[in-house]
């Protein structure tokens, strides 16, 4: 049977999702929250709109996920006045959120190690470079 790109991509994504999601669930994280934690490490204090763009989701998706994260003391949202009459919400990780992000990073690292078992560093870098190109073509 001929290998089809879409089947391999979807199948790999599903396997990766199942491996990592079960571990995230054990930490009390819902789907979407690990990506937000990981993104906020690099974009500390960003606006919700910027967070949505960085996570490649709709702003409404971020708006629906953040209240639960705030309730669990993973993030803090602050109203920022960035122009007269214009307000936006800035999102920051709390100390608990930073600690949780470290656990998320460990899970992502471990799953990635499993994915690339038997690959040389050069093969891994080539694969990631090519996958990044595919990703950018789809934007």
C-alpha atoms as a PDB file:
ATOM      1  CA  UNK A   1       0.000   0.000   0.000  1.00  0.00           C
ATOM      2  CA  UNK A   2       1.326   3.414  -0.961  1.00  0.00           C
ATOM      3  CA  UNK A   3       2.157   5.727   1.950  1.00  0.00           C
ATOM      4  CA  UNK A   4      -0.084   8.776   1.877  1.00  0.00           C
ATOM      5  CA  UNK A   5       1.096  12.027   3.400  1.00  0.00           C
ATOM      6  CA  UNK A   6      -2.265  12.883   4.963  1.00  0.00           C
ATOM      7  CA  UNK A   7      -2.622   9.457   6.579  1.00  0.00           C
ATOM      8  CA  UNK A   8       0.885   9.541   8.005  1.00  0.00           C
ATOM      9  CA  UNK A   9       0.475  13.110   9.229  1.00  0.00           C
ATOM     10  CA  UNK A  10      -2.912  12.530  10.849  1.00  0.00           C
ATOM     11  CA  UNK A  11      -1.890   9.165  12.270  1.00  0.00           C
ATOM     12  CA  UNK A  12       1.318  10.556  13.753  1.00  0.00           C
ATOM     13  CA  UNK A  13      -0.530  13.554  15.167  1.00  0.00           C
ATOM     14  CA  UNK A  14      -3.148  11.290  16.768  1.00  0.00           C
ATOM     15  CA  UNK A  15      -0.537   9.023  18.335  1.00  0.00           C
ATOM     16  CA  UNK A  16       1.434  11.996  19.664  1.00  0.00           C
ATOM     17  CA  UNK A  17      -1.775  13.546  21.022  1.00  0.00           C
ATOM     18  CA  UNK A  18      -2.813  10.347  22.832  1.00  0.00           C
ATOM     19  CA  UNK A  19       0.614   9.818  24.397  1.00  0.00           C
ATOM     20  CA  UNK A  20       0.912  13.371  25.674  1.00  0.00           C
ATOM     21  CA  UNK A  21      -2.753  14.053  26.519  1.00  0.00           C
ATOM     22  CA  UNK A  22      -3.035  11.171  28.958  1.00  0.00           C
ATOM     23  CA  UNK A  23      -0.064  12.581  30.867  1.00  0.00           C
ATOM     24  CA  UNK A  24      -1.410  16.152  30.731  1.00  0.00           C
ATOM     25  CA  UNK A  25      -4.770  14.926  31.994  1.00  0.00           C
ATOM     26  CA  UNK A  26      -3.029  13.298  34.971  1.00  0.00           C
ATOM     27  CA  UNK A  27      -1.650  16.780  35.776  1.00  0.00           C
ATOM     28  CA  UNK A  28      -5.185  18.202  35.669  1.00  0.00           C
ATOM     29  CA  UNK A  29      -4.693  20.006  32.346  1.00  0.00           C
ATOM     30  CA  UNK A  30      -7.369  20.095  29.687  1.00  0.00           C
ATOM     31  CA  UNK A  31      -6.620  20.026  25.942  1.00  0.00           C
ATOM     32  CA  UNK A  32      -5.213  23.354  24.794  1.00  0.00           C
ATOM     33  CA  UNK A  33      -3.752  24.307  28.161  1.00  0.00           C
ATOM     34  CA  UNK A  34      -0.298  22.732  27.625  1.00  0.00           C
ATOM     35  CA  UNK A  35       0.187  24.686  24.386  1.00  0.00           C
ATOM     36  CA  UNK A  36      -0.799  27.908  26.158  1.00  0.00           C
ATOM     37  CA  UNK A  37       1.602  27.253  29.039  1.00  0.00           C
ATOM     38  CA  UNK A  38       4.408  26.485  26.604  1.00  0.00           C
ATOM     39  CA  UNK A  39       3.675  29.609  24.558  1.00  0.00           C
ATOM     40  CA  UNK A  40       3.469  31.928  27.573  1.00  0.00           C
ATOM     41  CA  UNK A  41       6.988  30.993  28.660  1.00  0.00           C
ATOM     42  CA  UNK A  42       8.228  32.822  25.558  1.00  0.00           C
ATOM     43  CA  UNK A  43       5.485  35.503  25.348  1.00  0.00           C
ATOM     44  CA  UNK A  44       5.103  36.473  28.998  1.00  0.00           C
ATOM     45  CA  UNK A  45       2.662  39.340  29.374  1.00  0.00           C
ATOM     46  CA  UNK A  46       1.296  39.125  25.841  1.00  0.00           C
ATOM     47  CA  UNK A  47      -2.188  40.169  24.837  1.00  0.00           C
ATOM     48  CA  UNK A  48      -4.822  37.454  24.391  1.00  0.00           C
ATOM     49  CA  UNK A  49      -4.937  38.182  20.654  1.00  0.00           C
ATOM     50  CA  UNK A  50      -1.161  37.642  20.377  1.00  0.00           C
ATOM     51  CA  UNK A  51      -1.481  34.417  22.371  1.00  0.00           C
ATOM     52  CA  UNK A  52      -4.146  33.138  19.973  1.00  0.00           C
ATOM     53  CA  UNK A  53      -1.933  33.953  16.979  1.00  0.00           C
ATOM     54  CA  UNK A  54       1.085  32.242  18.546  1.00  0.00           C
ATOM     55  CA  UNK A  55      -1.009  29.149  19.363  1.00  0.00           C
ATOM     56  CA  UNK A  56      -2.547  29.222  15.866  1.00  0.00           C
ATOM     57  CA  UNK A  57      -6.115  29.176  17.193  1.00  0.00           C
ATOM     58  CA  UNK A  58      -9.042  31.560  17.076  1.00  0.00           C
ATOM     59  CA  UNK A  59      -9.175  34.253  19.795  1.00  0.00           C
ATOM     60  CA  UNK A  60     -12.497  32.775  20.976  1.00  0.00           C
ATOM     61  CA  UNK A  61     -10.725  29.495  21.710  1.00  0.00           C
ATOM     62  CA  UNK A  62      -8.207  31.266  23.946  1.00  0.00           C
ATOM     63  CA  UNK A  63     -11.017  33.222  25.603  1.00  0.00           C
ATOM     64  CA  UNK A  64     -12.781  29.951  26.470  1.00  0.00           C
ATOM     65  CA  UNK A  65      -9.663  28.207  27.871  1.00  0.00           C
ATOM     66  CA  UNK A  66      -8.163  31.001  29.991  1.00  0.00           C
ATOM     67  CA  UNK A  67     -10.857  31.249  32.717  1.00  0.00           C
ATOM     68  CA  UNK A  68     -10.191  27.662  33.819  1.00  0.00           C
ATOM     69  CA  UNK A  69      -6.461  28.305  33.860  1.00  0.00           C
ATOM     70  CA  UNK A  70      -6.995  31.456  35.901  1.00  0.00           C
ATOM     71  CA  UNK A  71      -9.267  29.580  38.318  1.00  0.00           C
ATOM     72  CA  UNK A  72      -6.521  26.970  38.796  1.00  0.00           C
ATOM     73  CA  UNK A  73      -3.952  29.741  39.427  1.00  0.00           C
ATOM     74  CA  UNK A  74      -1.893  28.880  36.337  1.00  0.00           C
ATOM     75  CA  UNK A  75      -2.250  32.312  34.753  1.00  0.00           C
ATOM     76  CA  UNK A  76      -3.151  35.855  35.693  1.00  0.00           C
ATOM     77  CA  UNK A  77      -4.916  38.241  33.327  1.00  0.00           C
ATOM     78  CA  UNK A  78      -4.493  41.982  33.722  1.00  0.00           C
ATOM     79  CA  UNK A  79      -6.393  44.729  31.947  1.00  0.00           C
ATOM     80  CA  UNK A  80      -4.046  47.019  30.053  1.00  0.00           C
ATOM     81  CA  UNK A  81      -5.074  50.395  28.623  1.00  0.00           C
ATOM     82  CA  UNK A  82      -3.058  50.632  25.420  1.00  0.00           C
ATOM     83  CA  UNK A  83      -4.804  53.723  23.971  1.00  0.00           C
ATOM     84  CA  UNK A  84      -7.521  56.098  25.143  1.00  0.00           C
ATOM     85  CA  UNK A  85     -10.696  54.059  25.324  1.00  0.00           C
ATOM     86  CA  UNK A  86      -8.920  50.859  24.226  1.00  0.00           C
ATOM     87  CA  UNK A  87      -8.367  48.039  26.683  1.00  0.00           C
ATOM     88  CA  UNK A  88      -6.845  44.614  26.263  1.00  0.00           C
ATOM     89  CA  UNK A  89      -6.060  41.678  28.513  1.00  0.00           C
ATOM     90  CA  UNK A  90      -2.440  40.788  29.194  1.00  0.00           C
ATOM     91  CA  UNK A  91      -1.740  37.172  30.169  1.00  0.00           C
ATOM     92  CA  UNK A  92       1.044  36.094  32.531  1.00  0.00           C
ATOM     93  CA  UNK A  93       2.024  32.800  34.085  1.00  0.00           C
ATOM     94  CA  UNK A  94       1.839  32.525  37.858  1.00  0.00           C
ATOM     95  CA  UNK A  95       4.549  30.671  39.768  1.00  0.00           C
ATOM     96  CA  UNK A  96       2.271  27.617  39.745  1.00  0.00           C
ATOM     97  CA  UNK A  97       1.860  28.061  35.982  1.00  0.00           C
ATOM     98  CA  UNK A  98       5.627  28.223  35.481  1.00  0.00           C
ATOM     99  CA  UNK A  99       6.079  25.027  37.503  1.00  0.00           C
ATOM    100  CA  UNK A 100       3.345  23.326  35.472  1.00  0.00           C
ATOM    101  CA  UNK A 101       4.989  24.471  32.228  1.00  0.00           C
ATOM    102  CA  UNK A 102       8.207  22.747  33.307  1.00  0.00           C
ATOM    103  CA  UNK A 103       6.250  19.502  33.744  1.00  0.00           C
ATOM    104  CA  UNK A 104       4.609  20.013  30.342  1.00  0.00           C
ATOM    105  CA  UNK A 105       8.029  20.610  28.759  1.00  0.00           C
ATOM    106  CA  UNK A 106       9.295  17.346  30.256  1.00  0.00           C
ATOM    107  CA  UNK A 107       6.339  15.431  28.812  1.00  0.00           C
ATOM    108  CA  UNK A 108       6.814  16.999  25.371  1.00  0.00           C
ATOM    109  CA  UNK A 109      10.538  16.197  25.551  1.00  0.00           C
ATOM    110  CA  UNK A 110       9.923  12.569  26.508  1.00  0.00           C
ATOM    111  CA  UNK A 111       7.346  12.052  23.743  1.00  0.00           C
ATOM    112  CA  UNK A 112       9.686  13.722  21.240  1.00  0.00           C
ATOM    113  CA  UNK A 113      12.515  11.422  22.321  1.00  0.00           C
ATOM    114  CA  UNK A 114      10.251   8.449  21.641  1.00  0.00           C
ATOM    115  CA  UNK A 115       9.279   9.870  18.230  1.00  0.00           C
ATOM    116  CA  UNK A 116      12.890  10.290  17.160  1.00  0.00           C
ATOM    117  CA  UNK A 117      14.263   7.032  18.589  1.00  0.00           C
ATOM    118  CA  UNK A 118      16.834   5.661  16.140  1.00  0.00           C
ATOM    119  CA  UNK A 119      17.262   8.986  14.301  1.00  0.00           C
ATOM    120  CA  UNK A 120      20.604  10.717  14.086  1.00  0.00           C
ATOM    121  CA  UNK A 121      20.717  14.386  15.065  1.00  0.00           C
ATOM    122  CA  UNK A 122      21.170  15.260  11.397  1.00  0.00           C
ATOM    123  CA  UNK A 123      18.091  13.229  10.399  1.00  0.00           C
ATOM    124  CA  UNK A 124      16.058  14.843  13.160  1.00  0.00           C
ATOM    125  CA  UNK A 125      17.087  18.359  12.093  1.00  0.00           C
ATOM    126  CA  UNK A 126      16.382  17.575   8.433  1.00  0.00           C
ATOM    127  CA  UNK A 127      12.960  16.174   9.277  1.00  0.00           C
ATOM    128  CA  UNK A 128      12.050  19.167  11.440  1.00  0.00           C
ATOM    129  CA  UNK A 129      13.252  21.579   8.774  1.00  0.00           C
ATOM    130  CA  UNK A 130      11.157  19.875   6.106  1.00  0.00           C
ATOM    131  CA  UNK A 131       8.103  19.666   8.362  1.00  0.00           C
ATOM    132  CA  UNK A 132       8.469  23.369   9.157  1.00  0.00           C
ATOM    133  CA  UNK A 133       8.448  24.117   5.437  1.00  0.00           C
ATOM    134  CA  UNK A 134       5.267  22.071   4.983  1.00  0.00           C
ATOM    135  CA  UNK A 135       3.715  23.915   7.944  1.00  0.00           C
ATOM    136  CA  UNK A 136       4.658  27.314   6.522  1.00  0.00           C
ATOM    137  CA  UNK A 137       3.245  26.371   3.124  1.00  0.00           C
ATOM    138  CA  UNK A 138      -0.113  25.735   4.787  1.00  0.00           C
ATOM    139  CA  UNK A 139      -0.330  29.130   6.511  1.00  0.00           C
END
